[in-house]
Amino acid sequence: MPFNLMKERLEFIDTDKCECKSTIIKGGGIGTEIETATSHIKVEPTANGGSVVKVESTYKLLPGMEVKDEITKAKDSVTGIFKATEAYLIANPDAYN
C-alpha cells in the first residue's frame, strides 16, 4: 500500500451472502487527502465451483485534492493481496476447511 497505516470500522458483515462493508477511519490518506473511503467486498460463487471476489471502493476527496497515483497503487496492492490469497488457498486446500 502507498501508506503504512490503515484502521477500518466494519459496517456490516453477512456470512450467508459472503459480503462485508468497511470504512477507513484512520490512515490511508484520511484527513490528509481523502475525506471518506469505504469498501464493499462480496464473494460470489461461479458455475464451475469457484468464486469471484468483487470489491467496490468509494472515495470522497478533500476539497482541492486531485486523484493521484496512490489510488491506483492501492488498487494494485489490494488485487495483489487477493491473488496471493487465492494462490495460497489453491496450494493449501485444507487451510480453509
N, C-alpha and C. Protein backbone atom coordinates (compact mmCIF):
# COMPACT_ATOMS: atom_id res chain seq x y z
N MET A 1 0.84 -1.18 0.00
CA MET A 1 0.00 0.00 0.00
C MET A 1 0.89 1.25 0.00
N PRO A 2 0.36 2.34 -0.51
CA PRO A 2 1.15 3.57 -0.54
C PRO A 2 1.14 4.31 0.80
N PHE A 3 0.71 3.65 1.87
CA PHE A 3 0.71 4.24 3.21
C PHE A 3 1.02 3.13 4.19
N ASN A 4 1.46 3.50 5.40
CA ASN A 4 1.91 2.47 6.34
C ASN A 4 0.91 2.13 7.43
N LEU A 5 -0.23 2.81 7.45
CA LEU A 5 -1.23 2.54 8.49
C LEU A 5 -2.63 2.74 7.92
N MET A 6 -3.51 1.83 8.30
CA MET A 6 -4.90 1.98 7.93
C MET A 6 -5.75 1.24 8.97
N LYS A 7 -6.71 1.93 9.54
CA LYS A 7 -7.62 1.34 10.51
C LYS A 7 -9.03 1.45 9.93
N GLU A 8 -9.75 0.33 9.95
CA GLU A 8 -11.09 0.30 9.37
C GLU A 8 -12.15 -0.04 10.42
N ARG A 9 -13.36 0.45 10.19
CA ARG A 9 -14.51 0.10 11.02
C ARG A 9 -15.39 -0.81 10.16
N LEU A 10 -15.74 -1.97 10.68
CA LEU A 10 -16.62 -2.89 9.97
C LEU A 10 -18.05 -2.39 10.08
N GLU A 11 -18.65 -2.04 8.95
CA GLU A 11 -20.01 -1.51 8.93
C GLU A 11 -21.03 -2.65 9.00
N PHE A 12 -20.78 -3.70 8.23
CA PHE A 12 -21.64 -4.88 8.33
C PHE A 12 -20.90 -6.07 7.73
N ILE A 13 -21.33 -7.24 8.19
CA ILE A 13 -20.84 -8.49 7.64
C ILE A 13 -22.03 -9.44 7.53
N ASP A 14 -22.15 -10.08 6.39
CA ASP A 14 -23.22 -11.04 6.16
C ASP A 14 -22.55 -12.34 5.71
N THR A 15 -22.40 -13.26 6.64
CA THR A 15 -21.69 -14.50 6.34
C THR A 15 -22.48 -15.38 5.37
N ASP A 16 -23.81 -15.29 5.40
CA ASP A 16 -24.62 -16.08 4.48
C ASP A 16 -24.43 -15.63 3.03
N LYS A 17 -24.30 -14.33 2.82
CA LYS A 17 -24.12 -13.78 1.48
C LYS A 17 -22.65 -13.56 1.14
N CYS A 18 -21.76 -13.86 2.07
CA CYS A 18 -20.31 -13.68 1.89
C CYS A 18 -19.97 -12.26 1.46
N GLU A 19 -20.43 -11.30 2.25
CA GLU A 19 -20.11 -9.92 1.94
C GLU A 19 -19.92 -9.09 3.20
N CYS A 20 -19.16 -8.01 3.05
CA CYS A 20 -18.94 -7.10 4.16
C CYS A 20 -18.67 -5.70 3.61
N LYS A 21 -18.81 -4.73 4.48
CA LYS A 21 -18.53 -3.34 4.12
C LYS A 21 -17.76 -2.71 5.27
N SER A 22 -16.73 -1.93 4.92
CA SER A 22 -15.93 -1.27 5.94
C SER A 22 -15.64 0.17 5.52
N THR A 23 -15.33 0.98 6.53
CA THR A 23 -14.98 2.38 6.32
C THR A 23 -13.62 2.63 6.95
N ILE A 24 -12.75 3.32 6.21
CA ILE A 24 -11.45 3.68 6.77
C ILE A 24 -11.66 4.81 7.76
N ILE A 25 -11.15 4.64 8.97
CA ILE A 25 -11.32 5.67 10.00
C ILE A 25 -9.99 6.31 10.42
N LYS A 26 -8.87 5.70 10.00
CA LYS A 26 -7.56 6.25 10.35
C LYS A 26 -6.54 5.80 9.32
N GLY A 27 -5.64 6.69 8.96
CA GLY A 27 -4.61 6.35 8.00
C GLY A 27 -5.17 6.27 6.60
N GLY A 28 -4.39 5.72 5.69
CA GLY A 28 -4.85 5.55 4.32
C GLY A 28 -5.23 6.84 3.62
N GLY A 29 -4.66 7.95 4.06
CA GLY A 29 -4.96 9.24 3.43
C GLY A 29 -6.14 9.98 4.04
N ILE A 30 -6.82 9.36 5.02
CA ILE A 30 -7.97 10.01 5.66
C ILE A 30 -7.48 11.26 6.40
N GLY A 31 -8.13 12.38 6.11
CA GLY A 31 -7.79 13.64 6.77
C GLY A 31 -6.69 14.42 6.10
N THR A 32 -5.92 13.77 5.22
CA THR A 32 -4.86 14.49 4.51
C THR A 32 -5.22 14.71 3.05
N GLU A 33 -5.78 13.69 2.42
CA GLU A 33 -6.20 13.79 1.02
C GLU A 33 -7.64 13.33 0.82
N ILE A 34 -8.07 12.41 1.66
CA ILE A 34 -9.38 11.78 1.49
C ILE A 34 -10.27 12.11 2.67
N GLU A 35 -11.52 12.50 2.37
CA GLU A 35 -12.49 12.78 3.44
C GLU A 35 -13.11 11.48 3.95
N THR A 36 -13.57 10.63 3.04
CA THR A 36 -14.15 9.34 3.42
C THR A 36 -13.75 8.28 2.40
N ALA A 37 -13.71 7.04 2.86
CA ALA A 37 -13.41 5.91 1.98
C ALA A 37 -14.10 4.66 2.53
N THR A 38 -14.84 3.99 1.67
CA THR A 38 -15.50 2.75 2.07
C THR A 38 -15.18 1.65 1.06
N SER A 39 -15.25 0.41 1.51
CA SER A 39 -15.06 -0.75 0.64
C SER A 39 -16.17 -1.75 0.91
N HIS A 40 -16.75 -2.25 -0.15
CA HIS A 40 -17.78 -3.29 -0.08
C HIS A 40 -17.20 -4.50 -0.81
N ILE A 41 -17.03 -5.59 -0.08
CA ILE A 41 -16.44 -6.81 -0.63
C ILE A 41 -17.49 -7.90 -0.65
N LYS A 42 -17.62 -8.55 -1.80
CA LYS A 42 -18.60 -9.63 -1.93
C LYS A 42 -17.96 -10.79 -2.69
N VAL A 43 -18.15 -12.00 -2.17
CA VAL A 43 -17.66 -13.21 -2.83
C VAL A 43 -18.87 -13.94 -3.39
N GLU A 44 -18.84 -14.17 -4.71
CA GLU A 44 -19.97 -14.83 -5.37
C GLU A 44 -19.51 -16.15 -5.98
N PRO A 45 -20.33 -17.20 -5.86
CA PRO A 45 -19.96 -18.49 -6.46
C PRO A 45 -20.06 -18.44 -7.98
N THR A 46 -19.24 -19.26 -8.63
CA THR A 46 -19.31 -19.38 -10.09
C THR A 46 -19.83 -20.77 -10.44
N ALA A 47 -20.21 -20.94 -11.71
CA ALA A 47 -20.79 -22.20 -12.16
C ALA A 47 -19.80 -23.36 -12.08
N ASN A 48 -18.50 -23.07 -12.15
CA ASN A 48 -17.51 -24.15 -12.14
C ASN A 48 -17.04 -24.53 -10.74
N GLY A 49 -17.72 -24.02 -9.70
CA GLY A 49 -17.36 -24.37 -8.33
C GLY A 49 -16.39 -23.41 -7.68
N GLY A 50 -15.92 -22.44 -8.41
CA GLY A 50 -15.01 -21.44 -7.85
C GLY A 50 -15.79 -20.25 -7.31
N SER A 51 -15.13 -19.13 -7.26
CA SER A 51 -15.78 -17.92 -6.79
C SER A 51 -15.13 -16.69 -7.42
N VAL A 52 -15.87 -15.60 -7.38
CA VAL A 52 -15.38 -14.32 -7.86
C VAL A 52 -15.49 -13.33 -6.71
N VAL A 53 -14.41 -12.59 -6.47
CA VAL A 53 -14.42 -11.56 -5.43
C VAL A 53 -14.66 -10.22 -6.11
N LYS A 54 -15.68 -9.52 -5.66
CA LYS A 54 -15.99 -8.19 -6.18
C LYS A 54 -15.72 -7.17 -5.08
N VAL A 55 -14.94 -6.15 -5.41
CA VAL A 55 -14.60 -5.10 -4.46
C VAL A 55 -15.02 -3.77 -5.06
N GLU A 56 -15.86 -3.05 -4.33
CA GLU A 56 -16.26 -1.71 -4.74
C GLU A 56 -15.78 -0.74 -3.67
N SER A 57 -14.90 0.15 -4.09
CA SER A 57 -14.37 1.16 -3.16
C SER A 57 -14.88 2.53 -3.58
N THR A 58 -15.27 3.32 -2.59
CA THR A 58 -15.78 4.66 -2.84
C THR A 58 -14.95 5.64 -2.02
N TYR A 59 -14.45 6.67 -2.69
CA TYR A 59 -13.62 7.68 -2.04
C TYR A 59 -14.24 9.06 -2.26
N LYS A 60 -14.18 9.89 -1.23
CA LYS A 60 -14.55 11.30 -1.36
C LYS A 60 -13.31 12.10 -0.97
N LEU A 61 -12.76 12.78 -1.96
CA LEU A 61 -11.54 13.54 -1.71
C LEU A 61 -11.85 14.82 -0.95
N LEU A 62 -10.87 15.31 -0.20
CA LEU A 62 -10.99 16.60 0.47
C LEU A 62 -10.99 17.70 -0.59
N PRO A 63 -11.60 18.84 -0.30
CA PRO A 63 -11.63 19.94 -1.27
C PRO A 63 -10.23 20.31 -1.73
N GLY A 64 -10.09 20.50 -3.02
CA GLY A 64 -8.81 20.90 -3.59
C GLY A 64 -7.86 19.76 -3.91
N MET A 65 -8.21 18.55 -3.54
CA MET A 65 -7.34 17.39 -3.80
C MET A 65 -7.70 16.78 -5.15
N GLU A 66 -6.70 16.20 -5.78
CA GLU A 66 -6.89 15.53 -7.06
C GLU A 66 -6.49 14.06 -6.91
N VAL A 67 -7.09 13.22 -7.75
CA VAL A 67 -6.73 11.81 -7.74
C VAL A 67 -5.28 11.69 -8.20
N LYS A 68 -4.51 10.93 -7.45
CA LYS A 68 -3.10 10.74 -7.77
C LYS A 68 -2.84 9.26 -7.98
N ASP A 69 -1.58 8.95 -8.16
CA ASP A 69 -1.18 7.56 -8.36
C ASP A 69 -1.44 6.68 -7.15
N GLU A 70 -1.65 7.28 -5.97
CA GLU A 70 -1.83 6.50 -4.75
C GLU A 70 -3.05 5.59 -4.83
N ILE A 71 -4.14 6.09 -5.45
CA ILE A 71 -5.35 5.26 -5.55
C ILE A 71 -5.09 4.08 -6.47
N THR A 72 -4.40 4.31 -7.58
CA THR A 72 -4.05 3.21 -8.47
C THR A 72 -3.13 2.22 -7.77
N LYS A 73 -2.15 2.73 -7.01
CA LYS A 73 -1.26 1.84 -6.25
C LYS A 73 -2.03 1.04 -5.22
N ALA A 74 -3.00 1.66 -4.56
CA ALA A 74 -3.81 0.96 -3.56
C ALA A 74 -4.62 -0.15 -4.23
N LYS A 75 -5.22 0.14 -5.38
CA LYS A 75 -5.99 -0.88 -6.11
C LYS A 75 -5.09 -2.04 -6.51
N ASP A 76 -3.91 -1.73 -7.02
CA ASP A 76 -2.97 -2.78 -7.41
C ASP A 76 -2.55 -3.62 -6.21
N SER A 77 -2.36 -2.97 -5.08
CA SER A 77 -1.96 -3.67 -3.86
C SER A 77 -3.06 -4.62 -3.39
N VAL A 78 -4.31 -4.14 -3.38
CA VAL A 78 -5.44 -4.98 -2.96
C VAL A 78 -5.58 -6.17 -3.91
N THR A 79 -5.45 -5.92 -5.21
CA THR A 79 -5.51 -7.02 -6.19
C THR A 79 -4.42 -8.03 -5.91
N GLY A 80 -3.22 -7.56 -5.60
CA GLY A 80 -2.12 -8.46 -5.26
C GLY A 80 -2.39 -9.30 -4.03
N ILE A 81 -3.02 -8.68 -3.03
CA ILE A 81 -3.36 -9.42 -1.80
C ILE A 81 -4.34 -10.54 -2.11
N PHE A 82 -5.38 -10.24 -2.92
CA PHE A 82 -6.35 -11.28 -3.26
C PHE A 82 -5.72 -12.37 -4.11
N LYS A 83 -4.84 -12.03 -5.03
CA LYS A 83 -4.18 -13.04 -5.86
C LYS A 83 -3.26 -13.92 -5.02
N ALA A 84 -2.55 -13.33 -4.08
CA ALA A 84 -1.68 -14.11 -3.19
C ALA A 84 -2.51 -15.05 -2.31
N THR A 85 -3.64 -14.54 -1.82
CA THR A 85 -4.53 -15.37 -1.00
C THR A 85 -5.07 -16.53 -1.82
N GLU A 86 -5.50 -16.24 -3.06
CA GLU A 86 -6.00 -17.29 -3.95
C GLU A 86 -4.94 -18.35 -4.19
N ALA A 87 -3.73 -17.94 -4.49
CA ALA A 87 -2.64 -18.89 -4.75
C ALA A 87 -2.38 -19.77 -3.52
N TYR A 88 -2.39 -19.15 -2.34
CA TYR A 88 -2.16 -19.91 -1.11
C TYR A 88 -3.28 -20.94 -0.90
N LEU A 89 -4.54 -20.51 -1.08
CA LEU A 89 -5.66 -21.43 -0.84
C LEU A 89 -5.71 -22.55 -1.86
N ILE A 90 -5.32 -22.28 -3.10
CA ILE A 90 -5.26 -23.34 -4.11
C ILE A 90 -4.17 -24.33 -3.75
N ALA A 91 -3.03 -23.83 -3.29
CA ALA A 91 -1.91 -24.71 -2.92
C ALA A 91 -2.16 -25.43 -1.60
N ASN A 92 -3.04 -24.90 -0.75
CA ASN A 92 -3.31 -25.48 0.57
C ASN A 92 -4.83 -25.59 0.78
N PRO A 93 -5.50 -26.47 0.05
CA PRO A 93 -6.97 -26.54 0.12
C PRO A 93 -7.52 -26.90 1.50
N ASP A 94 -6.72 -27.53 2.34
CA ASP A 94 -7.21 -27.86 3.68
C ASP A 94 -7.11 -26.69 4.66
N ALA A 95 -6.53 -25.59 4.23
CA ALA A 95 -6.34 -24.43 5.11
C ALA A 95 -7.66 -23.76 5.47
N TYR A 96 -8.69 -23.97 4.69
CA TYR A 96 -9.96 -23.28 4.95
C TYR A 96 -11.11 -24.24 5.21
N ASN A 97 -10.84 -25.50 5.39
CA ASN A 97 -11.90 -26.47 5.70
C ASN A 97 -12.06 -26.64 7.20
